[in-house]
Amino acid sequence: MKNIIHITDNNKHKIMADSGFIQGSTNESSRERMKKILSMAVLNELTERQRICIIDYYFNGKKQKEIAENLGIDSSTVSRHIIKARDKLRHIASYYVN
């Protein structure tokens, strides 16, 4: 289980030093790097159905029921595709976090 860390003015310097954000690396550059990694993973690592479901749900703002109707599948199947895709993306991202 991960601990929740509350960042305050008193501890933010230590947290940033411990997290590897020193020596020129910024939160913004780390975020941009992770976006690129996840974008490539969405394109190359997900199945076609997972990719369609993730893109429609998160980027196009469609409801699961609407995605299901467009694909001709049950909405619970769309939910499973989204869950499996998120798990796969989380797993891929975990290689780059530390």
C-alpha atoms as a PDB file:
ATOM      1  CA  MET A   1       0.000   0.000   0.000  1.00  0.00           C
ATOM      2  CA  LYS A   2       1.358   3.438  -0.912  1.00  0.00           C
ATOM      3  CA  ASN A   3       1.595   6.188   1.643  1.00  0.00           C
ATOM      4  CA  ILE A   4      -0.061   9.516   1.013  1.00  0.00           C
ATOM      5  CA  ILE A   5       2.366  12.409   1.297  1.00  0.00           C
ATOM      6  CA  HIS A   6       1.065  15.902   1.871  1.00  0.00           C
ATOM      7  CA  ILE A   7       3.335  18.458   0.234  1.00  0.00           C
ATOM      8  CA  THR A   8       3.861  21.671   2.151  1.00  0.00           C
ATOM      9  CA  ASP A   9       6.294  24.558   1.831  1.00  0.00           C
ATOM     10  CA  ASN A  10       8.355  22.962   4.598  1.00  0.00           C
ATOM     11  CA  ASN A  11       8.865  19.583   2.936  1.00  0.00           C
ATOM     12  CA  LYS A  12       8.578  20.168  -0.802  1.00  0.00           C
ATOM     13  CA  HIS A  13      12.328  20.658  -1.312  1.00  0.00           C
ATOM     14  CA  LYS A  14      13.153  17.339   0.355  1.00  0.00           C
ATOM     15  CA  ILE A  15      10.418  15.504  -1.533  1.00  0.00           C
ATOM     16  CA  MET A  16      11.602  16.911  -4.842  1.00  0.00           C
ATOM     17  CA  ALA A  17      15.204  15.960  -4.037  1.00  0.00           C
ATOM     18  CA  ASP A  18      14.193  12.436  -2.983  1.00  0.00           C
ATOM     19  CA  SER A  19      12.035  11.998  -6.095  1.00  0.00           C
ATOM     20  CA  GLY A  20      14.762  12.823  -8.586  1.00  0.00           C
ATOM     21  CA  PHE A  21      13.331  16.166  -9.633  1.00  0.00           C
ATOM     22  CA  ILE A  22      16.625  17.935  -9.021  1.00  0.00           C
ATOM     23  CA  GLN A  23      19.446  18.546 -11.494  1.00  0.00           C
ATOM     24  CA  GLY A  24      17.354  20.061 -14.265  1.00  0.00           C
ATOM     25  CA  SER A  25      14.433  17.644 -14.264  1.00  0.00           C
ATOM     26  CA  THR A  26      11.113  19.319 -13.617  1.00  0.00           C
ATOM     27  CA  ASN A  27       7.643  18.064 -12.970  1.00  0.00           C
ATOM     28  CA  GLU A  28       6.585  19.446 -16.352  1.00  0.00           C
ATOM     29  CA  SER A  29       9.313  17.610 -18.242  1.00  0.00           C
ATOM     30  CA  SER A  30       8.524  14.389 -16.375  1.00  0.00           C
ATOM     31  CA  ARG A  31       4.852  14.797 -17.193  1.00  0.00           C
ATOM     32  CA  GLU A  32       5.591  15.391 -20.884  1.00  0.00           C
ATOM     33  CA  ARG A  33       7.856  12.330 -20.992  1.00  0.00           C
ATOM     34  CA  MET A  34       5.135  10.178 -19.394  1.00  0.00           C
ATOM     35  CA  LYS A  35       2.532  11.507 -21.868  1.00  0.00           C
ATOM     36  CA  LYS A  36       4.737  10.434 -24.768  1.00  0.00           C
ATOM     37  CA  ILE A  37       5.329   7.012 -23.254  1.00  0.00           C
ATOM     38  CA  LEU A  38       1.627   6.435 -22.614  1.00  0.00           C
ATOM     39  CA  SER A  39       0.658   7.728 -26.056  1.00  0.00           C
ATOM     40  CA  MET A  40       3.010   5.236 -27.659  1.00  0.00           C
ATOM     41  CA  ALA A  41       1.696   2.484 -25.387  1.00  0.00           C
ATOM     42  CA  VAL A  42      -1.909   3.269 -26.364  1.00  0.00           C
ATOM     43  CA  LEU A  43      -0.961   3.011 -30.035  1.00  0.00           C
ATOM     44  CA  ASN A  44       1.334  -0.007 -29.837  1.00  0.00           C
ATOM     45  CA  GLU A  45       0.479  -2.108 -26.789  1.00  0.00           C
ATOM     46  CA  LEU A  46      -3.330  -2.149 -26.567  1.00  0.00           C
ATOM     47  CA  THR A  47      -5.670  -4.288 -28.606  1.00  0.00           C
ATOM     48  CA  GLU A  48      -7.814  -2.509 -31.194  1.00  0.00           C
ATOM     49  CA  ARG A  49     -10.903  -2.707 -28.961  1.00  0.00           C
ATOM     50  CA  GLN A  50      -9.004  -1.499 -25.899  1.00  0.00           C
ATOM     51  CA  ARG A  51      -7.607   1.416 -27.895  1.00  0.00           C
ATOM     52  CA  ILE A  52     -11.031   2.417 -29.234  1.00  0.00           C
ATOM     53  CA  CYS A  53     -12.633   2.178 -25.787  1.00  0.00           C
ATOM     54  CA  ILE A  54      -9.873   4.154 -24.034  1.00  0.00           C
ATOM     55  CA  ILE A  55      -9.767   6.903 -26.657  1.00  0.00           C
ATOM     56  CA  ASP A  56     -13.543   7.264 -26.866  1.00  0.00           C
ATOM     57  CA  TYR A  57     -14.018   7.178 -23.099  1.00  0.00           C
ATOM     58  CA  TYR A  58     -11.165   9.412 -21.931  1.00  0.00           C
ATOM     59  CA  PHE A  59     -10.416  11.648 -24.898  1.00  0.00           C
ATOM     60  CA  ASN A  60     -13.761  11.913 -26.671  1.00  0.00           C
ATOM     61  CA  GLY A  61     -15.853  11.940 -23.484  1.00  0.00           C
ATOM     62  CA  LYS A  62     -18.252   9.227 -24.593  1.00  0.00           C
ATOM     63  CA  LYS A  63     -20.241   7.149 -22.119  1.00  0.00           C
ATOM     64  CA  GLN A  64     -19.606   3.414 -21.965  1.00  0.00           C
ATOM     65  CA  LYS A  65     -23.128   2.733 -23.199  1.00  0.00           C
ATOM     66  CA  GLU A  66     -22.552   4.929 -26.260  1.00  0.00           C
ATOM     67  CA  ILE A  67     -19.247   3.204 -27.035  1.00  0.00           C
ATOM     68  CA  ALA A  68     -20.958  -0.174 -26.689  1.00  0.00           C
ATOM     69  CA  GLU A  69     -23.682   0.817 -29.126  1.00  0.00           C
ATOM     70  CA  ASN A  70     -21.119   2.046 -31.672  1.00  0.00           C
ATOM     71  CA  LEU A  71     -19.128  -1.190 -31.416  1.00  0.00           C
ATOM     72  CA  GLY A  72     -22.155  -3.470 -31.222  1.00  0.00           C
ATOM     73  CA  ILE A  73     -21.087  -5.000 -27.900  1.00  0.00           C
ATOM     74  CA  ASP A  74     -22.423  -4.991 -24.346  1.00  0.00           C
ATOM     75  CA  SER A  75     -21.523  -2.046 -22.088  1.00  0.00           C
ATOM     76  CA  SER A  76     -20.019  -4.467 -19.538  1.00  0.00           C
ATOM     77  CA  THR A  77     -17.603  -5.596 -22.260  1.00  0.00           C
ATOM     78  CA  VAL A  78     -16.599  -1.970 -22.835  1.00  0.00           C
ATOM     79  CA  SER A  79     -16.009  -1.649 -19.102  1.00  0.00           C
ATOM     80  CA  ARG A  80     -13.764  -4.725 -19.109  1.00  0.00           C
ATOM     81  CA  HIS A  81     -11.788  -3.385 -22.099  1.00  0.00           C
ATOM     82  CA  ILE A  82     -11.241  -0.077 -20.287  1.00  0.00           C
ATOM     83  CA  ILE A  83     -10.183  -1.808 -17.062  1.00  0.00           C
ATOM     84  CA  LYS A  84      -7.738  -4.129 -18.850  1.00  0.00           C
ATOM     85  CA  ALA A  85      -6.300  -1.237 -20.885  1.00  0.00           C
ATOM     86  CA  ARG A  86      -5.846   0.907 -17.766  1.00  0.00           C
ATOM     87  CA  ASP A  87      -4.129  -1.980 -15.990  1.00  0.00           C
ATOM     88  CA  LYS A  88      -1.793  -2.515 -18.937  1.00  0.00           C
ATOM     89  CA  LEU A  89      -0.983   1.216 -19.171  1.00  0.00           C
ATOM     90  CA  ARG A  90      -0.404   1.415 -15.414  1.00  0.00           C
ATOM     91  CA  HIS A  91       1.965  -1.546 -15.659  1.00  0.00           C
ATOM     92  CA  ILE A  92       3.894   0.059 -18.521  1.00  0.00           C
ATOM     93  CA  ALA A  93       4.063   3.401 -16.692  1.00  0.00           C
ATOM     94  CA  SER A  94       5.415   1.705 -13.554  1.00  0.00           C
ATOM     95  CA  TYR A  95       8.645   0.912 -15.429  1.00  0.00           C
ATOM     96  CA  TYR A  96       9.272   4.628 -15.958  1.00  0.00           C
ATOM     97  CA  VAL A  97       8.209   6.084 -12.619  1.00  0.00           C
ATOM     98  CA  ASN A  98      11.231   5.068 -10.596  1.00  0.00           C
END
